Amino acid sequence: MKKITLQEIKVPVCTALLSVLFLFTQVSISQAAHGISIDGKLKYPADFKHFDYASDEARKGGTLVLHDLGSFDKMNPYTLKGS
């Protein structure tokens, strides 16, 4: 009786696993909408004027001044700064 090696069963097992995974995938149908929501129901209609937390009577215009603390190259603080 011949021993079955890992090399001989690797491809059939991987093929079977991928076939099972493809069987359980769902196909979603997309629909055009004016917004996106996590729970499926949009809070505001397509022609809303302002958000509930913002006043439509607020002052408009002006300037916003932000400061710059330095450059940003990467998330790791322990590496050297980039150029």
N, C-alpha and C. Protein backbone atom coordinates (compact mmCIF):
# COMPACT_ATOMS: atom_id res chain seq x y z
N MET A 1 0.84 -1.18 0.00
CA MET A 1 0.00 0.00 0.00
C MET A 1 0.89 1.25 0.00
N LYS A 2 0.58 2.18 -0.88
CA LYS A 2 1.38 3.39 -1.03
C LYS A 2 0.94 4.44 -0.01
N LYS A 3 1.90 5.11 0.60
CA LYS A 3 1.60 6.19 1.53
C LYS A 3 1.23 7.45 0.74
N ILE A 4 0.25 8.16 1.23
CA ILE A 4 -0.16 9.42 0.60
C ILE A 4 0.64 10.55 1.24
N THR A 5 1.30 11.33 0.42
CA THR A 5 2.11 12.43 0.93
C THR A 5 1.31 13.73 0.92
N LEU A 6 1.83 14.69 1.64
CA LEU A 6 1.18 16.00 1.70
C LEU A 6 1.16 16.67 0.33
N GLN A 7 2.21 16.49 -0.44
CA GLN A 7 2.28 17.10 -1.77
C GLN A 7 1.17 16.58 -2.69
N GLU A 8 0.78 15.34 -2.52
CA GLU A 8 -0.24 14.75 -3.39
C GLU A 8 -1.65 15.22 -3.05
N ILE A 9 -1.90 15.55 -1.79
CA ILE A 9 -3.27 15.94 -1.41
C ILE A 9 -3.44 17.44 -1.26
N LYS A 10 -2.35 18.20 -1.42
CA LYS A 10 -2.43 19.65 -1.22
C LYS A 10 -3.37 20.31 -2.23
N VAL A 11 -3.22 20.03 -3.49
CA VAL A 11 -4.04 20.67 -4.53
C VAL A 11 -5.51 20.27 -4.43
N PRO A 12 -5.85 18.98 -4.29
CA PRO A 12 -7.27 18.63 -4.17
C PRO A 12 -7.94 19.22 -2.92
N VAL A 13 -7.22 19.26 -1.81
CA VAL A 13 -7.80 19.81 -0.58
C VAL A 13 -8.02 21.32 -0.72
N CYS A 14 -7.06 22.02 -1.27
CA CYS A 14 -7.21 23.47 -1.48
C CYS A 14 -8.34 23.76 -2.45
N THR A 15 -8.45 22.97 -3.50
CA THR A 15 -9.54 23.15 -4.46
C THR A 15 -10.89 22.92 -3.81
N ALA A 16 -11.00 21.91 -2.99
CA ALA A 16 -12.26 21.63 -2.30
C ALA A 16 -12.61 22.74 -1.32
N LEU A 17 -11.63 23.25 -0.58
CA LEU A 17 -11.90 24.34 0.36
C LEU A 17 -12.34 25.61 -0.36
N LEU A 18 -11.67 25.95 -1.44
CA LEU A 18 -12.07 27.13 -2.20
C LEU A 18 -13.46 26.97 -2.81
N SER A 19 -13.79 25.78 -3.25
CA SER A 19 -15.12 25.53 -3.80
C SER A 19 -16.19 25.74 -2.75
N VAL A 20 -15.94 25.26 -1.54
CA VAL A 20 -16.91 25.44 -0.46
C VAL A 20 -17.05 26.91 -0.10
N LEU A 21 -15.93 27.64 -0.07
CA LEU A 21 -16.00 29.07 0.23
C LEU A 21 -16.80 29.83 -0.82
N PHE A 22 -16.61 29.50 -2.09
CA PHE A 22 -17.35 30.17 -3.15
C PHE A 22 -18.83 29.84 -3.10
N LEU A 23 -19.18 28.68 -2.59
CA LEU A 23 -20.60 28.33 -2.48
C LEU A 23 -21.32 29.19 -1.46
N PHE A 24 -20.61 29.62 -0.41
CA PHE A 24 -21.25 30.37 0.66
C PHE A 24 -21.12 31.88 0.53
N THR A 25 -20.53 32.36 -0.54
CA THR A 25 -20.45 33.80 -0.73
C THR A 25 -21.79 34.32 -1.21
N GLN A 26 -22.12 35.54 -0.81
CA GLN A 26 -23.38 36.14 -1.21
C GLN A 26 -23.12 37.20 -2.27
N VAL A 27 -24.01 37.28 -3.20
CA VAL A 27 -23.93 38.31 -4.22
C VAL A 27 -24.89 39.41 -3.80
N SER A 28 -24.36 40.62 -3.65
CA SER A 28 -25.23 41.73 -3.25
C SER A 28 -25.55 42.57 -4.47
N ILE A 29 -26.76 43.04 -4.53
CA ILE A 29 -27.22 43.87 -5.63
C ILE A 29 -27.18 45.32 -5.15
N SER A 30 -26.46 46.16 -5.86
CA SER A 30 -26.36 47.55 -5.45
C SER A 30 -27.48 48.37 -6.08
N GLN A 31 -27.91 49.36 -5.33
CA GLN A 31 -28.95 50.27 -5.80
C GLN A 31 -28.43 51.69 -5.64
N ALA A 32 -28.78 52.55 -6.58
CA ALA A 32 -28.36 53.94 -6.50
C ALA A 32 -29.11 54.64 -5.38
N ALA A 33 -28.41 55.43 -4.59
CA ALA A 33 -29.01 56.18 -3.48
C ALA A 33 -28.28 57.50 -3.32
N HIS A 34 -28.88 58.43 -2.62
CA HIS A 34 -28.27 59.74 -2.39
C HIS A 34 -27.38 59.76 -1.16
N GLY A 35 -27.31 58.65 -0.43
CA GLY A 35 -26.50 58.58 0.78
C GLY A 35 -26.13 57.15 1.11
N ILE A 36 -25.47 57.00 2.27
CA ILE A 36 -25.07 55.68 2.72
C ILE A 36 -25.38 55.57 4.20
N SER A 37 -25.78 54.38 4.63
CA SER A 37 -26.14 54.17 6.02
C SER A 37 -25.69 52.79 6.46
N ILE A 38 -25.31 52.67 7.73
CA ILE A 38 -24.87 51.38 8.25
C ILE A 38 -26.06 50.45 8.45
N ASP A 39 -27.16 50.98 8.98
CA ASP A 39 -28.30 50.12 9.27
C ASP A 39 -29.31 50.05 8.13
N GLY A 40 -29.01 50.62 6.98
CA GLY A 40 -29.85 50.44 5.81
C GLY A 40 -30.87 51.54 5.57
N LYS A 41 -31.31 52.23 6.61
CA LYS A 41 -32.34 53.26 6.46
C LYS A 41 -31.68 54.63 6.56
N LEU A 42 -31.88 55.49 5.56
CA LEU A 42 -31.28 56.82 5.58
C LEU A 42 -32.09 57.75 6.47
N LYS A 43 -31.39 58.61 7.22
CA LYS A 43 -32.07 59.52 8.14
C LYS A 43 -32.64 60.73 7.42
N TYR A 44 -31.92 61.26 6.46
CA TYR A 44 -32.33 62.48 5.78
C TYR A 44 -32.79 62.17 4.35
N PRO A 45 -33.78 62.91 3.86
CA PRO A 45 -34.20 62.73 2.46
C PRO A 45 -33.17 63.34 1.51
N ALA A 46 -33.38 63.16 0.24
CA ALA A 46 -32.41 63.65 -0.75
C ALA A 46 -32.35 65.17 -0.80
N ASP A 47 -33.40 65.86 -0.43
CA ASP A 47 -33.43 67.33 -0.54
C ASP A 47 -33.38 68.03 0.83
N PHE A 48 -32.68 67.46 1.82
CA PHE A 48 -32.64 68.08 3.14
C PHE A 48 -31.82 69.36 3.10
N LYS A 49 -32.15 70.31 3.98
CA LYS A 49 -31.51 71.63 3.98
C LYS A 49 -30.32 71.71 4.92
N HIS A 50 -30.42 71.09 6.11
CA HIS A 50 -29.31 71.11 7.06
C HIS A 50 -29.43 69.92 7.99
N PHE A 51 -28.32 69.56 8.62
CA PHE A 51 -28.32 68.47 9.58
C PHE A 51 -29.06 68.89 10.84
N ASP A 52 -29.55 67.92 11.61
CA ASP A 52 -30.27 68.23 12.85
C ASP A 52 -29.38 68.93 13.86
N TYR A 53 -28.11 68.63 13.87
CA TYR A 53 -27.21 69.20 14.86
C TYR A 53 -26.61 70.54 14.43
N ALA A 54 -26.96 71.04 13.26
CA ALA A 54 -26.46 72.32 12.78
C ALA A 54 -27.62 73.26 12.53
N SER A 55 -27.39 74.53 12.79
CA SER A 55 -28.43 75.53 12.58
C SER A 55 -28.27 76.14 11.20
N ASP A 56 -29.38 76.28 10.50
CA ASP A 56 -29.30 76.93 9.19
C ASP A 56 -29.24 78.44 9.34
N GLU A 57 -29.39 78.96 10.57
CA GLU A 57 -29.29 80.40 10.82
C GLU A 57 -27.90 80.80 11.33
N ALA A 58 -26.95 79.89 11.31
CA ALA A 58 -25.60 80.18 11.79
C ALA A 58 -24.89 81.12 10.82
N ARG A 59 -23.87 81.83 11.36
CA ARG A 59 -23.10 82.74 10.51
C ARG A 59 -22.35 81.94 9.45
N LYS A 60 -22.24 82.52 8.30
CA LYS A 60 -21.53 81.88 7.20
C LYS A 60 -20.32 82.71 6.83
N GLY A 61 -19.28 82.04 6.36
CA GLY A 61 -18.07 82.74 5.97
C GLY A 61 -17.06 82.76 7.09
N GLY A 62 -16.02 83.55 6.94
CA GLY A 62 -14.97 83.64 7.95
C GLY A 62 -13.75 82.85 7.53
N THR A 63 -12.78 82.79 8.44
CA THR A 63 -11.55 82.06 8.15
C THR A 63 -11.26 81.09 9.28
N LEU A 64 -10.56 80.04 8.97
CA LEU A 64 -10.13 79.04 9.93
C LEU A 64 -8.61 78.97 9.86
N VAL A 65 -7.96 79.23 11.00
CA VAL A 65 -6.50 79.23 11.04
C VAL A 65 -6.07 78.03 11.87
N LEU A 66 -5.25 77.16 11.28
CA LEU A 66 -4.73 75.99 11.97
C LEU A 66 -3.21 76.10 12.04
N HIS A 67 -2.63 75.57 13.11
CA HIS A 67 -1.18 75.61 13.25
C HIS A 67 -0.58 74.30 12.74
N ASP A 68 0.70 74.33 12.44
CA ASP A 68 1.41 73.16 11.94
C ASP A 68 2.49 72.79 12.94
N LEU A 69 2.40 71.58 13.51
CA LEU A 69 3.37 71.15 14.51
C LEU A 69 4.60 70.51 13.91
N GLY A 70 4.60 70.20 12.67
CA GLY A 70 5.75 69.55 12.03
C GLY A 70 5.30 68.73 10.85
N SER A 71 6.22 67.95 10.35
CA SER A 71 5.89 67.14 9.18
C SER A 71 5.40 65.77 9.60
N PHE A 72 4.82 65.06 8.70
CA PHE A 72 4.29 63.72 8.96
C PHE A 72 4.74 62.80 7.84
N ASP A 73 5.46 61.75 8.21
CA ASP A 73 5.89 60.78 7.21
C ASP A 73 5.36 59.39 7.47
N LYS A 74 5.29 58.98 8.73
CA LYS A 74 4.85 57.63 9.04
C LYS A 74 4.26 57.57 10.44
N MET A 75 3.62 56.46 10.75
CA MET A 75 2.94 56.31 12.03
C MET A 75 3.87 55.86 13.16
N ASN A 76 5.00 55.28 12.85
CA ASN A 76 5.88 54.73 13.86
C ASN A 76 6.72 55.86 14.48
N PRO A 77 6.55 56.17 15.79
CA PRO A 77 7.31 57.28 16.38
C PRO A 77 8.75 56.93 16.70
N TYR A 78 9.14 55.66 16.60
CA TYR A 78 10.48 55.23 16.98
C TYR A 78 11.45 55.19 15.81
N THR A 79 11.00 55.49 14.62
CA THR A 79 11.91 55.51 13.48
C THR A 79 12.35 56.94 13.22
N LEU A 80 13.40 57.11 12.46
CA LEU A 80 13.92 58.44 12.16
C LEU A 80 12.96 59.18 11.25
N LYS A 81 12.99 60.51 11.35
CA LYS A 81 12.12 61.33 10.52
C LYS A 81 12.54 61.26 9.06
N GLY A 82 11.57 61.29 8.19
CA GLY A 82 11.85 61.26 6.76
C GLY A 82 12.31 62.60 6.25
N SER A 83 12.55 62.67 4.98
CA SER A 83 13.05 63.92 4.41
C SER A 83 11.89 64.78 3.95
